[in-house]
Amino acid sequence: MKQNLLRRNLWETAGKAGLALGGASAAFLFISHALTSLQLPGFVSTVLNFALWAAKFGGCIWLMAFFMKKFVAENPEADNSASYRFGMAAAFLSALIFAAVSFADIAFISADTYAEMRTLVTQEMGSLMDSNTEAAIEKLMDNLPQYMFFANLIYCFLYGTLLSAILSRNIPSRNPFADYKPEDQ
């Protein structure tokens, strides 16, 4: 009974954590699009993009740790293994959300931008490519949203799984003296 309750709480809380992590990553995606559209000088753009990436990287780590600690606090029977499973579930759900948003971005929201890039690449590289290479690139570009969906899904899930493996070692924190009972002297 306790195990079923823990499992249900795990997926319920992981859904909320996945929504927050996937939403934060999607927000950073659209913020980076907005920065690109500002057409800032090269150095400023590079510094802002690096700062944005660092904020996303650190923010995702902080959010994952926050939700893992919250899960353990709400479920006192949760051990390090349960916090790892929670992290994996949150990683999968957030990866699914971010991959879906990036698919929608490439296929629908920013489709014009990607079509312009496709035309630009074809024009620039057209003289260097034979017809087979052009056909292969055309096929790749036609399926780019699907490729990016699966690439983001796999990458984000692996990143989140590795992060949860690292964080779960100390969530919940282990007390090395928990089993110590002093002898009566």
Protein backbone atom coordinates (compact mmCIF):
# COMPACT_ATOMS: atom_id res chain seq x y z
CA MET A 1 0.00 0.00 0.00
CA LYS A 2 2.76 2.44 0.95
CA GLN A 3 4.66 1.57 -2.22
CA ASN A 4 1.62 2.31 -4.42
CA LEU A 5 1.11 5.63 -2.66
CA LEU A 6 4.78 6.51 -3.13
CA ARG A 7 4.62 5.55 -6.82
CA ARG A 8 1.48 7.64 -7.37
CA ASN A 9 3.02 10.60 -5.53
CA LEU A 10 6.19 10.15 -7.56
CA TRP A 11 4.40 10.49 -10.91
CA GLU A 12 2.09 13.24 -9.72
CA THR A 13 4.96 15.36 -8.40
CA ALA A 14 7.20 14.44 -11.35
CA GLY A 15 4.50 15.74 -13.69
CA LYS A 16 4.57 19.12 -11.98
CA ALA A 17 8.38 19.15 -11.97
CA GLY A 18 8.49 18.09 -15.63
CA LEU A 19 6.09 20.87 -16.54
CA ALA A 20 8.24 23.44 -14.71
CA LEU A 21 11.53 22.16 -16.17
CA GLY A 22 10.16 21.76 -19.70
CA GLY A 23 8.46 25.15 -19.50
CA ALA A 24 11.65 26.84 -18.31
CA SER A 25 13.65 25.27 -21.14
CA ALA A 26 10.99 26.30 -23.66
CA ALA A 27 11.02 29.85 -22.29
CA PHE A 28 14.78 30.01 -22.78
CA LEU A 29 14.30 28.77 -26.37
CA PHE A 30 11.96 31.64 -27.17
CA ILE A 31 14.11 34.18 -25.31
CA SER A 32 17.07 33.13 -27.44
CA HIS A 33 14.89 33.59 -30.56
CA ALA A 34 14.04 37.10 -29.36
CA LEU A 35 17.72 37.89 -28.78
CA THR A 36 18.56 36.69 -32.27
CA SER A 37 15.90 38.93 -33.80
CA LEU A 38 17.41 42.00 -32.08
CA GLN A 39 20.46 41.78 -34.39
CA LEU A 40 22.94 42.89 -31.74
CA PRO A 41 26.66 43.24 -32.46
CA GLY A 42 28.56 39.93 -32.52
CA PHE A 43 30.34 40.25 -29.16
CA VAL A 44 27.24 41.42 -27.30
CA SER A 45 25.16 38.66 -28.86
CA THR A 46 27.77 36.05 -27.90
CA VAL A 47 27.96 37.28 -24.30
CA LEU A 48 24.17 37.39 -23.96
CA ASN A 49 23.76 33.92 -25.46
CA PHE A 50 26.41 32.52 -23.12
CA ALA A 51 24.77 34.20 -20.11
CA LEU A 52 21.41 32.82 -21.21
CA TRP A 53 22.85 29.32 -21.62
CA ALA A 54 24.55 29.51 -18.18
CA ALA A 55 21.30 30.68 -16.58
CA LYS A 56 19.40 27.83 -18.24
CA PHE A 57 22.03 25.27 -17.23
CA GLY A 58 22.20 26.45 -13.60
CA GLY A 59 18.46 27.02 -13.39
CA CYS A 60 17.64 23.50 -14.55
CA ILE A 61 20.04 22.04 -11.99
CA TRP A 62 18.54 24.19 -9.25
CA LEU A 63 14.96 23.33 -10.27
CA MET A 64 15.70 19.60 -10.38
CA ALA A 65 17.31 19.72 -6.92
CA PHE A 66 14.41 21.81 -5.59
CA PHE A 67 11.76 19.37 -6.84
CA MET A 68 13.72 16.32 -5.67
CA LYS A 69 14.05 17.79 -2.16
CA LYS A 70 10.37 18.72 -2.17
CA PHE A 71 9.41 15.18 -3.18
CA VAL A 72 11.52 13.67 -0.39
CA ALA A 73 10.12 16.15 2.15
CA GLU A 74 6.53 15.25 1.20
CA ASN A 75 7.27 11.51 1.22
CA PRO A 76 9.28 10.59 4.33
CA GLU A 77 9.51 6.94 3.25
CA ALA A 78 11.39 7.98 0.09
CA ASP A 79 15.03 6.95 -0.03
CA ASN A 80 17.84 7.78 -2.46
CA SER A 81 16.52 5.25 -4.96
CA ALA A 82 13.05 6.82 -4.90
CA SER A 83 14.52 10.29 -5.41
CA TYR A 84 16.50 8.95 -8.39
CA ARG A 85 13.35 7.42 -9.90
CA PHE A 86 11.56 10.71 -9.31
CA GLY A 87 14.36 12.57 -11.09
CA MET A 88 14.21 10.18 -14.04
CA ALA A 89 10.44 10.58 -14.32
CA ALA A 90 10.74 14.38 -14.13
CA ALA A 91 13.54 14.26 -16.72
CA PHE A 92 11.42 12.19 -19.11
CA LEU A 93 8.36 14.38 -18.75
CA SER A 94 10.30 17.63 -19.10
CA ALA A 95 12.16 16.21 -22.11
CA LEU A 96 8.83 15.30 -23.68
CA ILE A 97 7.47 18.80 -23.12
CA PHE A 98 10.59 20.54 -24.43
CA ALA A 99 10.84 18.23 -27.45
CA ALA A 100 7.19 18.93 -28.31
CA VAL A 101 7.71 22.69 -27.99
CA SER A 102 10.86 22.59 -30.13
CA PHE A 103 8.97 20.51 -32.73
CA ALA A 104 6.15 23.06 -32.78
CA ASP A 105 8.70 25.86 -33.03
CA ILE A 106 10.46 24.37 -36.04
CA ALA A 107 7.36 23.05 -37.80
CA PHE A 108 4.86 25.85 -37.15
CA ILE A 109 5.91 28.84 -35.03
CA SER A 110 9.23 29.75 -36.66
CA ALA A 111 8.77 27.78 -39.86
CA ASP A 112 9.43 30.88 -41.98
CA THR A 113 12.80 31.45 -40.30
CA TYR A 114 13.85 27.87 -40.91
CA ALA A 115 12.65 28.06 -44.52
CA GLU A 116 14.78 31.19 -45.03
CA MET A 117 17.80 29.42 -43.55
CA ARG A 118 17.14 26.46 -45.83
CA THR A 119 17.04 28.73 -48.89
CA LEU A 120 20.17 30.57 -47.80
CA VAL A 121 22.12 27.34 -47.29
CA THR A 122 20.95 25.99 -50.62
CA GLN A 123 22.00 29.20 -52.40
CA GLU A 124 25.37 29.44 -50.66
CA MET A 125 26.31 25.81 -50.95
CA GLY A 126 24.51 25.06 -54.24
CA SER A 127 27.60 25.34 -56.41
CA LEU A 128 29.56 23.02 -54.11
CA MET A 129 26.99 20.23 -54.09
CA ASP A 130 26.04 17.63 -56.65
CA SER A 131 22.41 16.62 -57.22
CA ASN A 132 22.62 13.67 -54.82
CA THR A 133 23.88 15.88 -51.98
CA GLU A 134 21.20 18.47 -52.71
CA ALA A 135 18.52 15.75 -52.63
CA ALA A 136 19.88 14.40 -49.33
CA ILE A 137 19.91 17.85 -47.75
CA GLU A 138 16.42 18.54 -49.06
CA LYS A 139 15.17 15.29 -47.51
CA LEU A 140 16.93 16.13 -44.23
CA MET A 141 15.38 19.58 -44.12
CA ASP A 142 11.92 18.16 -44.87
CA ASN A 143 12.21 15.91 -41.80
CA LEU A 144 14.07 18.40 -39.57
CA PRO A 145 11.20 18.88 -37.08
CA GLN A 146 10.97 15.12 -36.48
CA TYR A 147 14.74 14.74 -36.15
CA MET A 148 14.91 17.61 -33.70
CA PHE A 149 12.02 16.20 -31.68
CA PHE A 150 13.79 12.89 -31.11
CA ALA A 151 17.22 14.49 -30.68
CA ASN A 152 15.87 16.85 -27.99
CA LEU A 153 13.90 14.06 -26.33
CA ILE A 154 16.94 11.80 -26.07
CA TYR A 155 19.39 14.55 -25.10
CA CYS A 156 17.17 16.11 -22.42
CA PHE A 157 16.23 12.73 -20.96
CA LEU A 158 19.87 11.63 -20.74
CA TYR A 159 20.91 14.98 -19.24
CA GLY A 160 18.12 14.81 -16.67
CA THR A 161 18.84 11.18 -15.83
CA LEU A 162 22.52 11.92 -15.26
CA LEU A 163 21.63 14.97 -13.19
CA SER A 164 19.17 13.02 -11.06
CA ALA A 165 21.76 10.26 -10.54
CA ILE A 166 24.21 12.84 -9.24
CA LEU A 167 21.70 14.71 -7.09
CA SER A 168 19.97 11.63 -5.67
CA ARG A 169 23.14 10.51 -3.93
CA ASN A 170 22.50 13.21 -1.31
CA ILE A 171 18.72 13.57 -1.49
CA PRO A 172 17.67 12.62 1.11
CA SER A 173 20.86 13.31 2.94
CA ARG A 174 22.37 10.29 4.61
CA ASN A 175 23.17 10.40 8.30
CA PRO A 176 26.19 8.17 8.93
CA PHE A 177 25.36 8.06 12.64
CA ALA A 178 21.70 7.08 12.30
CA ASP A 179 22.31 3.47 13.40
CA TYR A 180 24.75 4.34 16.17
CA LYS A 181 23.56 3.50 19.65
CA PRO A 182 25.97 4.24 22.47
CA GLU A 183 26.53 1.44 24.88
CA ASP A 184 25.67 1.92 28.52
CA GLN A 185 28.84 2.35 30.55
